[in-house]
């Protein structure tokens, strides 16, 4: 099993170039077909300038036209692809952004998007963009953090394991990356006040499954927690072990046309410090 088609979200955010560099490099090394999909943040047609004007400040500059923004993004994407010898496909759909990312995700083996940065609206075309990709696309989604430096390769991977359907799906979907990694740490984080039904060594069974695929796997003993959330525990452990990538199930559901995330999934998306691959 390998990834033969990658889909990467292209926008005008500050983090986009780093995202494209990683996506293009991954496509070159696999090798895989790479599709860039441009789904930009659309600023309001009539920005509120009354506050700055009332304070004696000049109004904000006019935003670039949509055509210029698109042209800049496409040129950056094609330049990076050309430099690394990757022949890309370019998509500029004109419909609702969340439905577009879900639709085109289904034609890819892996979707690559950026974490939402609340200080940079360009990172999220519409409300619930990343959530929609994870919960509605039906494909694994690699989310890259907006802060920090991205790894050159995913050599040291942490799999968050709870024995659930979503975690099993993520484990299978991430197999190409797990097989290429130097070490994969299977970690189960339970709550100290709850019984566990995963046996005396949670994660051992899935660890044996990986080993049969040739994955160099280590099973981390369970770390029960009551005071610290599971998400915070995973991130702390990832920092301690110099983890390049966290693989985990994405939990949530659709309700009244909104995507409702589970607590651990939501916290990871908001506070992630390393790339996270999620499957639902």
C-alpha atoms as a PDB file:
ATOM      1  CA  UNK A   1       0.000   0.000   0.000  1.00  0.00           C
ATOM      2  CA  UNK A   2       1.167   3.495  -0.768  1.00  0.00           C
ATOM      3  CA  UNK A   3      -0.219   6.937  -1.517  1.00  0.00           C
ATOM      4  CA  UNK A   4      -0.588   7.574  -5.246  1.00  0.00           C
ATOM      5  CA  UNK A   5      -2.621  10.801  -5.138  1.00  0.00           C
ATOM      6  CA  UNK A   6      -2.106  13.704  -2.748  1.00  0.00           C
ATOM      7  CA  UNK A   7      -4.454  16.689  -2.424  1.00  0.00           C
ATOM      8  CA  UNK A   8      -3.052  19.855  -0.864  1.00  0.00           C
ATOM      9  CA  UNK A   9      -5.000  22.985   0.048  1.00  0.00           C
ATOM     10  CA  UNK A  10      -3.455  26.143  -1.423  1.00  0.00           C
ATOM     11  CA  UNK A  11      -4.305  29.590  -0.084  1.00  0.00           C
ATOM     12  CA  UNK A  12      -2.740  32.994   0.602  1.00  0.00           C
ATOM     13  CA  UNK A  13      -1.816  32.392   4.236  1.00  0.00           C
ATOM     14  CA  UNK A  14       1.615  32.875   5.764  1.00  0.00           C
ATOM     15  CA  UNK A  15       1.997  29.126   6.343  1.00  0.00           C
ATOM     16  CA  UNK A  16       1.072  28.037   2.826  1.00  0.00           C
ATOM     17  CA  UNK A  17       4.596  27.937   1.379  1.00  0.00           C
ATOM     18  CA  UNK A  18       5.831  25.574   4.101  1.00  0.00           C
ATOM     19  CA  UNK A  19       2.782  23.368   3.539  1.00  0.00           C
ATOM     20  CA  UNK A  20       3.442  23.226  -0.191  1.00  0.00           C
ATOM     21  CA  UNK A  21       7.131  22.486   0.306  1.00  0.00           C
ATOM     22  CA  UNK A  22       6.236  19.483   2.457  1.00  0.00           C
ATOM     23  CA  UNK A  23       3.487  18.258   0.099  1.00  0.00           C
ATOM     24  CA  UNK A  24       5.659  18.536  -3.001  1.00  0.00           C
ATOM     25  CA  UNK A  25       8.590  16.815  -1.309  1.00  0.00           C
ATOM     26  CA  UNK A  26       6.310  13.983  -0.168  1.00  0.00           C
ATOM     27  CA  UNK A  27       4.872  13.608  -3.688  1.00  0.00           C
ATOM     28  CA  UNK A  28       8.393  13.457  -5.124  1.00  0.00           C
ATOM     29  CA  UNK A  29       9.622  10.825  -2.682  1.00  0.00           C
ATOM     30  CA  UNK A  30       6.641   8.438  -2.854  1.00  0.00           C
ATOM     31  CA  UNK A  31       6.205   9.143  -5.854  1.00  0.00           C
ATOM     32  CA  UNK A  32       2.605  10.351  -6.096  1.00  0.00           C
ATOM     33  CA  UNK A  33       0.375  12.548  -8.223  1.00  0.00           C
ATOM     34  CA  UNK A  34      -0.096  15.964  -6.583  1.00  0.00           C
ATOM     35  CA  UNK A  35      -3.226  18.086  -6.892  1.00  0.00           C
ATOM     36  CA  UNK A  36      -3.366  21.621  -5.552  1.00  0.00           C
ATOM     37  CA  UNK A  37      -6.832  22.946  -4.736  1.00  0.00           C
ATOM     38  CA  UNK A  38      -7.195  26.689  -4.291  1.00  0.00           C
ATOM     39  CA  UNK A  39      -9.892  27.538  -1.745  1.00  0.00           C
ATOM     40  CA  UNK A  40      -9.135  31.074  -0.534  1.00  0.00           C
ATOM     41  CA  UNK A  41     -10.401  33.025   2.417  1.00  0.00           C
ATOM     42  CA  UNK A  42     -12.996  35.442   1.101  1.00  0.00           C
ATOM     43  CA  UNK A  43     -12.878  38.766   2.982  1.00  0.00           C
ATOM     44  CA  UNK A  44     -16.171  40.611   3.498  1.00  0.00           C
ATOM     45  CA  UNK A  45     -17.225  42.791   0.591  1.00  0.00           C
ATOM     46  CA  UNK A  46     -17.731  45.793   2.889  1.00  0.00           C
ATOM     47  CA  UNK A  47     -15.131  45.830   5.668  1.00  0.00           C
ATOM     48  CA  UNK A  48     -15.901  47.784   8.801  1.00  0.00           C
ATOM     49  CA  UNK A  49     -13.644  50.835   8.702  1.00  0.00           C
ATOM     50  CA  UNK A  50     -15.639  52.993  11.106  1.00  0.00           C
ATOM     51  CA  UNK A  51     -13.606  51.925  14.110  1.00  0.00           C
ATOM     52  CA  UNK A  52     -10.240  52.876  12.630  1.00  0.00           C
ATOM     53  CA  UNK A  53     -11.640  56.073  11.112  1.00  0.00           C
ATOM     54  CA  UNK A  54     -13.169  57.110  14.423  1.00  0.00           C
ATOM     55  CA  UNK A  55      -9.844  56.594  16.139  1.00  0.00           C
ATOM     56  CA  UNK A  56      -8.101  58.921  13.721  1.00  0.00           C
ATOM     57  CA  UNK A  57      -6.351  56.058  11.959  1.00  0.00           C
ATOM     58  CA  UNK A  58      -6.247  55.561   8.202  1.00  0.00           C
ATOM     59  CA  UNK A  59      -8.604  52.910   6.812  1.00  0.00           C
ATOM     60  CA  UNK A  60      -7.046  49.529   6.063  1.00  0.00           C
ATOM     61  CA  UNK A  61      -5.632  49.071   2.559  1.00  0.00           C
ATOM     62  CA  UNK A  62      -7.840  47.609  -0.110  1.00  0.00           C
ATOM     63  CA  UNK A  63      -7.335  43.849  -0.418  1.00  0.00           C
ATOM     64  CA  UNK A  64      -5.878  42.458  -3.602  1.00  0.00           C
ATOM     65  CA  UNK A  65      -8.364  41.355  -6.193  1.00  0.00           C
ATOM     66  CA  UNK A  66      -9.391  37.710  -6.244  1.00  0.00           C
ATOM     67  CA  UNK A  67      -7.623  37.263  -9.581  1.00  0.00           C
ATOM     68  CA  UNK A  68      -4.308  38.549  -8.202  1.00  0.00           C
ATOM     69  CA  UNK A  69      -4.571  36.419  -5.073  1.00  0.00           C
ATOM     70  CA  UNK A  70      -5.269  33.329  -7.147  1.00  0.00           C
ATOM     71  CA  UNK A  71      -2.411  34.111  -9.535  1.00  0.00           C
ATOM     72  CA  UNK A  72       0.063  34.552  -6.665  1.00  0.00           C
ATOM     73  CA  UNK A  73      -0.975  31.265  -5.068  1.00  0.00           C
ATOM     74  CA  UNK A  74      -0.831  29.331  -8.332  1.00  0.00           C
ATOM     75  CA  UNK A  75       2.574  30.724  -9.247  1.00  0.00           C
ATOM     76  CA  UNK A  76       3.999  29.772  -5.849  1.00  0.00           C
ATOM     77  CA  UNK A  77       2.577  26.251  -6.169  1.00  0.00           C
ATOM     78  CA  UNK A  78       3.912  25.712  -9.688  1.00  0.00           C
ATOM     79  CA  UNK A  79       7.337  27.187  -8.849  1.00  0.00           C
ATOM     80  CA  UNK A  80       7.810  24.787  -5.915  1.00  0.00           C
ATOM     81  CA  UNK A  81       6.641  21.823  -8.025  1.00  0.00           C
ATOM     82  CA  UNK A  82       8.964  22.733 -10.881  1.00  0.00           C
ATOM     83  CA  UNK A  83      11.937  23.133  -8.549  1.00  0.00           C
ATOM     84  CA  UNK A  84      11.409  19.608  -7.179  1.00  0.00           C
ATOM     85  CA  UNK A  85      10.544  18.015 -10.521  1.00  0.00           C
ATOM     86  CA  UNK A  86       6.892  17.284  -9.708  1.00  0.00           C
ATOM     87  CA  UNK A  87       4.207  17.615 -12.388  1.00  0.00           C
ATOM     88  CA  UNK A  88       1.104  18.986 -10.618  1.00  0.00           C
ATOM     89  CA  UNK A  89      -2.618  19.321 -11.220  1.00  0.00           C
ATOM     90  CA  UNK A  90      -4.315  22.627 -10.371  1.00  0.00           C
ATOM     91  CA  UNK A  91      -7.959  23.038  -9.305  1.00  0.00           C
ATOM     92  CA  UNK A  92      -9.880  26.265  -8.694  1.00  0.00           C
ATOM     93  CA  UNK A  93     -13.464  25.215  -7.915  1.00  0.00           C
ATOM     94  CA  UNK A  94     -15.996  27.994  -7.605  1.00  0.00           C
ATOM     95  CA  UNK A  95     -18.543  26.452  -5.280  1.00  0.00           C
ATOM     96  CA  UNK A  96     -18.943  26.186  -1.507  1.00  0.00           C
ATOM     97  CA  UNK A  97     -15.533  25.566   0.029  1.00  0.00           C
ATOM     98  CA  UNK A  98     -16.438  22.892   2.580  1.00  0.00           C
ATOM     99  CA  UNK A  99     -18.287  20.754   0.063  1.00  0.00           C
ATOM    100  CA  UNK A 100     -15.428  21.143  -2.430  1.00  0.00           C
ATOM    101  CA  UNK A 101     -12.744  19.909  -0.037  1.00  0.00           C
ATOM    102  CA  UNK A 102     -14.927  16.940   0.907  1.00  0.00           C
ATOM    103  CA  UNK A 103     -15.682  16.062  -2.719  1.00  0.00           C
ATOM    104  CA  UNK A 104     -12.117  16.273  -4.001  1.00  0.00           C
ATOM    105  CA  UNK A 105     -10.745  14.521  -0.911  1.00  0.00           C
ATOM    106  CA  UNK A 106     -12.518  11.372  -2.068  1.00  0.00           C
ATOM    107  CA  UNK A 107     -10.310  11.205  -5.160  1.00  0.00           C
ATOM    108  CA  UNK A 108      -7.099  11.306  -3.102  1.00  0.00           C
ATOM    109  CA  UNK A 109      -5.195   8.934  -0.834  1.00  0.00           C
ATOM    110  CA  UNK A 110      -4.139  11.739   1.514  1.00  0.00           C
ATOM    111  CA  UNK A 111      -5.366  15.299   2.055  1.00  0.00           C
ATOM    112  CA  UNK A 112      -2.961  17.972   3.337  1.00  0.00           C
ATOM    113  CA  UNK A 113      -4.289  21.131   5.004  1.00  0.00           C
ATOM    114  CA  UNK A 114      -3.063  23.720   7.480  1.00  0.00           C
ATOM    115  CA  UNK A 115      -4.152  24.258  11.064  1.00  0.00           C
ATOM    116  CA  UNK A 116      -6.408  27.253  11.545  1.00  0.00           C
ATOM    117  CA  UNK A 117      -4.549  30.288  12.882  1.00  0.00           C
ATOM    118  CA  UNK A 118      -6.998  32.708  14.474  1.00  0.00           C
ATOM    119  CA  UNK A 119      -4.524  35.540  13.851  1.00  0.00           C
ATOM    120  CA  UNK A 120      -4.457  34.777  10.128  1.00  0.00           C
ATOM    121  CA  UNK A 121      -7.955  34.403   8.607  1.00  0.00           C
ATOM    122  CA  UNK A 122      -6.386  33.216   5.360  1.00  0.00           C
ATOM    123  CA  UNK A 123      -5.754  29.819   6.991  1.00  0.00           C
ATOM    124  CA  UNK A 124      -9.445  28.902   6.987  1.00  0.00           C
ATOM    125  CA  UNK A 125     -11.590  29.648   3.910  1.00  0.00           C
ATOM    126  CA  UNK A 126     -14.808  29.158   5.867  1.00  0.00           C
ATOM    127  CA  UNK A 127     -15.888  28.161   9.355  1.00  0.00           C
ATOM    128  CA  UNK A 128     -15.290  24.474  10.032  1.00  0.00           C
ATOM    129  CA  UNK A 129     -12.995  23.909   7.047  1.00  0.00           C
ATOM    130  CA  UNK A 130     -10.537  21.466   8.659  1.00  0.00           C
ATOM    131  CA  UNK A 131     -13.347  19.771  10.576  1.00  0.00           C
ATOM    132  CA  UNK A 132     -15.250  19.257   7.334  1.00  0.00           C
ATOM    133  CA  UNK A 133     -12.219  17.691   5.659  1.00  0.00           C
ATOM    134  CA  UNK A 134     -11.566  15.324   8.581  1.00  0.00           C
ATOM    135  CA  UNK A 135     -15.129  14.236   9.312  1.00  0.00           C
ATOM    136  CA  UNK A 136     -16.709  14.462   5.874  1.00  0.00           C
ATOM    137  CA  UNK A 137     -14.030  13.660   3.312  1.00  0.00           C
ATOM    138  CA  UNK A 138     -13.684   9.946   3.959  1.00  0.00           C
ATOM    139  CA  UNK A 139      -9.905  10.122   3.576  1.00  0.00           C
ATOM    140  CA  UNK A 140      -6.985  10.609   5.982  1.00  0.00           C
ATOM    141  CA  UNK A 141      -6.129  14.268   6.538  1.00  0.00           C
ATOM    142  CA  UNK A 142      -2.650  15.513   7.408  1.00  0.00           C
ATOM    143  CA  UNK A 143      -2.961  18.783   9.351  1.00  0.00           C
ATOM    144  CA  UNK A 144       0.181  20.903   9.586  1.00  0.00           C
ATOM    145  CA  UNK A 145       0.653  23.330  12.496  1.00  0.00           C
ATOM    146  CA  UNK A 146       0.967  27.032  11.701  1.00  0.00           C
ATOM    147  CA  UNK A 147       3.718  27.562  14.289  1.00  0.00           C
ATOM    148  CA  UNK A 148       7.188  26.100  14.338  1.00  0.00           C
ATOM    149  CA  UNK A 149       9.278  24.380  11.707  1.00  0.00           C
ATOM    150  CA  UNK A 150       7.882  21.383   9.860  1.00  0.00           C
ATOM    151  CA  UNK A 151       9.926  18.151   9.874  1.00  0.00           C
ATOM    152  CA  UNK A 152      11.775  17.063   6.754  1.00  0.00           C
ATOM    153  CA  UNK A 153      10.498  13.517   7.192  1.00  0.00           C
ATOM    154  CA  UNK A 154       8.219  11.614   9.548  1.00  0.00           C
ATOM    155  CA  UNK A 155      10.849   9.375  11.089  1.00  0.00           C
ATOM    156  CA  UNK A 156       9.465   9.275  14.629  1.00  0.00           C
ATOM    157  CA  UNK A 157       5.705   8.712  14.803  1.00  0.00           C
ATOM    158  CA  UNK A 158       3.319   8.485  17.742  1.00  0.00           C
ATOM    159  CA  UNK A 159       0.084   6.531  17.265  1.00  0.00           C
ATOM    160  CA  UNK A 160      -2.648   7.435  19.738  1.00  0.00           C
ATOM    161  CA  UNK A 161      -4.490   4.174  20.344  1.00  0.00           C
ATOM    162  CA  UNK A 162      -7.804   3.658  22.128  1.00  0.00           C
ATOM    163  CA  UNK A 163      -8.999   0.530  20.342  1.00  0.00           C
ATOM    164  CA  UNK A 164     -11.846   2.383  18.631  1.00  0.00           C
ATOM    165  CA  UNK A 165     -12.998   2.346  15.000  1.00  0.00           C
ATOM    166  CA  UNK A 166     -11.540   5.757  14.225  1.00  0.00           C
ATOM    167  CA  UNK A 167      -8.148   4.853  15.677  1.00  0.00           C
ATOM    168  CA  UNK A 168      -8.091   1.610  13.677  1.00  0.00           C
ATOM    169  CA  UNK A 169      -8.969   3.533  10.519  1.00  0.00           C
ATOM    170  CA  UNK A 170      -6.191   6.051  11.178  1.00  0.00           C
ATOM    171  CA  UNK A 171      -3.683   3.255  11.794  1.00  0.00           C
ATOM    172  CA  UNK A 172      -4.500   1.612   8.466  1.00  0.00           C
ATOM    173  CA  UNK A 173      -4.642   4.900   6.553  1.00  0.00           C
ATOM    174  CA  UNK A 174      -1.231   5.950   7.870  1.00  0.00           C
ATOM    175  CA  UNK A 175       0.452   2.654   6.971  1.00  0.00           C
ATOM    176  CA  UNK A 176       2.665   4.078   4.163  1.00  0.00           C
ATOM    177  CA  UNK A 177       4.106   6.613   6.609  1.00  0.00           C
ATOM    178  CA  UNK A 178       4.360   4.089   9.448  1.00  0.00           C
ATOM    179  CA  UNK A 179       6.279   1.614   7.270  1.00  0.00           C
ATOM    180  CA  UNK A 180       8.716   4.325   6.192  1.00  0.00           C
ATOM    181  CA  UNK A 181       9.297   5.614   9.732  1.00  0.00           C
ATOM    182  CA  UNK A 182      12.329   4.682  11.794  1.00  0.00           C
ATOM    183  CA  UNK A 183      10.215   4.184  14.927  1.00  0.00           C
ATOM    184  CA  UNK A 184       6.476   4.072  15.641  1.00  0.00           C
ATOM    185  CA  UNK A 185       5.375   4.459  19.260  1.00  0.00           C
ATOM    186  CA  UNK A 186       1.941   3.046  20.076  1.00  0.00           C
ATOM    187  CA  UNK A 187       0.567   4.944  23.036  1.00  0.00           C
ATOM    188  CA  UNK A 188      -2.665   4.387  24.889  1.00  0.00           C
ATOM    189  CA  UNK A 189      -3.746   7.142  27.257  1.00  0.00           C
ATOM    190  CA  UNK A 190      -6.475   6.017  29.634  1.00  0.00           C
ATOM    191  CA  UNK A 191      -8.155   7.762  32.503  1.00  0.00           C
ATOM    192  CA  UNK A 192      -7.132   6.562  35.913  1.00  0.00           C
ATOM    193  CA  UNK A 193     -10.712   6.400  37.208  1.00  0.00           C
ATOM    194  CA  UNK A 194     -12.065   4.314  34.307  1.00  0.00           C
ATOM    195  CA  UNK A 195     -11.754   0.566  33.637  1.00  0.00           C
ATOM    196  CA  UNK A 196      -9.865  -0.513  30.536  1.00  0.00           C
ATOM    197  CA  UNK A 197     -10.904  -3.336  28.194  1.00  0.00           C
ATOM    198  CA  UNK A 198      -7.757  -3.414  26.035  1.00  0.00           C
ATOM    199  CA  UNK A 199      -5.957  -6.043  28.083  1.00  0.00           C
ATOM    200  CA  UNK A 200      -3.033  -5.832  30.498  1.00  0.00           C
ATOM    201  CA  UNK A 201      -0.842  -4.006  27.944  1.00  0.00           C
ATOM    202  CA  UNK A 202      -3.067  -1.659  25.883  1.00  0.00           C
ATOM    203  CA  UNK A 203      -1.672  -1.308  22.383  1.00  0.00           C
ATOM    204  CA  UNK A 204       0.148  -4.636  22.308  1.00  0.00           C
ATOM    205  CA  UNK A 205      -2.293  -6.208  19.817  1.00  0.00           C
ATOM    206  CA  UNK A 206      -2.105  -3.329  17.332  1.00  0.00           C
ATOM    207  CA  UNK A 207       1.659  -3.282  17.840  1.00  0.00           C
ATOM    208  CA  UNK A 208       1.862  -6.907  16.730  1.00  0.00           C
ATOM    209  CA  UNK A 209      -0.292  -6.026  13.711  1.00  0.00           C
ATOM    210  CA  UNK A 210       2.203  -3.330  12.724  1.00  0.00           C
ATOM    211  CA  UNK A 211       5.174  -5.632  13.282  1.00  0.00           C
ATOM    212  CA  UNK A 212       3.754  -8.104  10.755  1.00  0.00           C
ATOM    213  CA  UNK A 213       3.852  -5.288   8.208  1.00  0.00           C
ATOM    214  CA  UNK A 214       7.519  -4.651   8.926  1.00  0.00           C
ATOM    215  CA  UNK A 215       6.940  -1.555  11.059  1.00  0.00           C
ATOM    216  CA  UNK A 216       9.546  -0.885  13.733  1.00  0.00           C
ATOM    217  CA  UNK A 217       7.087  -0.472  16.592  1.00  0.00           C
ATOM    218  CA  UNK A 218       7.356   0.183  20.311  1.00  0.00           C
ATOM    219  CA  UNK A 219       4.377  -0.056  22.640  1.00  0.00           C
ATOM    220  CA  UNK A 220       4.379   2.641  25.306  1.00  0.00           C
ATOM    221  CA  UNK A 221       2.868   1.529  28.618  1.00  0.00           C
ATOM    222  CA  UNK A 222      -0.475   3.082  29.495  1.00  0.00           C
ATOM    223  CA  UNK A 223      -0.279   6.450  31.178  1.00  0.00           C
ATOM    224  CA  UNK A 224      -3.462   6.968  33.156  1.00  0.00           C
ATOM    225  CA  UNK A 225      -4.558  10.540  33.729  1.00  0.00           C
ATOM    226  CA  UNK A 226      -7.275  12.306  35.624  1.00  0.00           C
ATOM    227  CA  UNK A 227      -6.009  15.868  35.921  1.00  0.00           C
ATOM    228  CA  UNK A 228      -4.510  16.355  32.473  1.00  0.00           C
ATOM    229  CA  UNK A 229      -6.546  15.928  29.332  1.00  0.00           C
ATOM    230  CA  UNK A 230      -5.688  13.145  26.939  1.00  0.00           C
ATOM    231  CA  UNK A 231      -4.808  15.682  24.228  1.00  0.00           C
ATOM    232  CA  UNK A 232      -2.404  17.537  26.512  1.00  0.00           C
ATOM    233  CA  UNK A 233      -0.823  14.245  27.546  1.00  0.00           C
ATOM    234  CA  UNK A 234      -0.273  13.250  23.915  1.00  0.00           C
ATOM    235  CA  UNK A 235       1.312  16.597  23.072  1.00  0.00           C
ATOM    236  CA  UNK A 236       3.520  16.474  26.156  1.00  0.00           C
ATOM    237  CA  UNK A 237       4.680  12.983  25.282  1.00  0.00           C
ATOM    238  CA  UNK A 238       5.276  14.048  21.670  1.00  0.00           C
ATOM    239  CA  UNK A 239       7.547  16.842  22.880  1.00  0.00           C
ATOM    240  CA  UNK A 240       9.433  14.532  25.243  1.00  0.00           C
ATOM    241  CA  UNK A 241      10.065  11.975  22.470  1.00  0.00           C
ATOM    242  CA  UNK A 242      10.819  14.458  19.632  1.00  0.00           C
ATOM    243  CA  UNK A 243       7.862  13.120  17.661  1.00  0.00           C
ATOM    244  CA  UNK A 244       7.532  14.202  14.003  1.00  0.00           C
ATOM    245  CA  UNK A 245       3.906  13.110  13.534  1.00  0.00           C
ATOM    246  CA  UNK A 246       0.914  12.088  15.630  1.00  0.00           C
ATOM    247  CA  UNK A 247      -1.554   9.613  14.099  1.00  0.00           C
ATOM    248  CA  UNK A 248      -4.994   9.425  15.684  1.00  0.00           C
ATOM    249  CA  UNK A 249      -8.670   8.915  15.031  1.00  0.00           C
ATOM    250  CA  UNK A 250     -10.764  12.007  14.392  1.00  0.00           C
ATOM    251  CA  UNK A 251     -13.932  11.902  16.477  1.00  0.00           C
ATOM    252  CA  UNK A 252     -17.073  13.898  15.828  1.00  0.00           C
ATOM    253  CA  UNK A 253     -20.315  14.074  13.891  1.00  0.00           C
ATOM    254  CA  UNK A 254     -22.485  16.362  11.797  1.00  0.00           C
ATOM    255  CA  UNK A 255     -25.357  18.127  13.530  1.00  0.00           C
ATOM    256  CA  UNK A 256     -27.660  20.743  12.011  1.00  0.00           C
ATOM    257  CA  UNK A 257     -25.201  21.267   9.118  1.00  0.00           C
ATOM    258  CA  UNK A 258     -22.346  21.878  11.570  1.00  0.00           C
ATOM    259  CA  UNK A 259     -19.369  19.658  12.365  1.00  0.00           C
ATOM    260  CA  UNK A 260     -19.170  18.830  16.063  1.00  0.00           C
ATOM    261  CA  UNK A 261     -15.789  17.525  17.200  1.00  0.00           C
ATOM    262  CA  UNK A 262     -14.991  15.286  20.134  1.00  0.00           C
ATOM    263  CA  UNK A 263     -13.073  16.876  22.982  1.00  0.00           C
ATOM    264  CA  UNK A 264      -9.671  15.284  22.300  1.00  0.00           C
ATOM    265  CA  UNK A 265      -9.935  15.906  18.554  1.00  0.00           C
ATOM    266  CA  UNK A 266     -10.905  19.549  19.052  1.00  0.00           C
ATOM    267  CA  UNK A 267      -8.126  20.178  21.565  1.00  0.00           C
ATOM    268  CA  UNK A 268      -5.487  18.613  19.302  1.00  0.00           C
ATOM    269  CA  UNK A 269      -6.611  20.732  16.345  1.00  0.00           C
ATOM    270  CA  UNK A 270      -6.463  23.894  18.453  1.00  0.00           C
ATOM    271  CA  UNK A 271      -3.185  23.285  20.303  1.00  0.00           C
ATOM    272  CA  UNK A 272      -1.160  20.965  18.044  1.00  0.00           C
ATOM    273  CA  UNK A 273       2.576  21.541  17.966  1.00  0.00           C
ATOM    274  CA  UNK A 274       3.499  18.808  15.470  1.00  0.00           C
ATOM    275  CA  UNK A 275       1.753  17.526  12.315  1.00  0.00           C
ATOM    276  CA  UNK A 276      -1.264  15.330  13.015  1.00  0.00           C
ATOM    277  CA  UNK A 277      -2.788  12.732  10.692  1.00  0.00           C
ATOM    278  CA  UNK A 278      -6.467  12.115  11.435  1.00  0.00           C
ATOM    279  CA  UNK A 279      -8.985   9.672  10.002  1.00  0.00           C
ATOM    280  CA  UNK A 280     -12.674   9.439  10.717  1.00  0.00           C
END
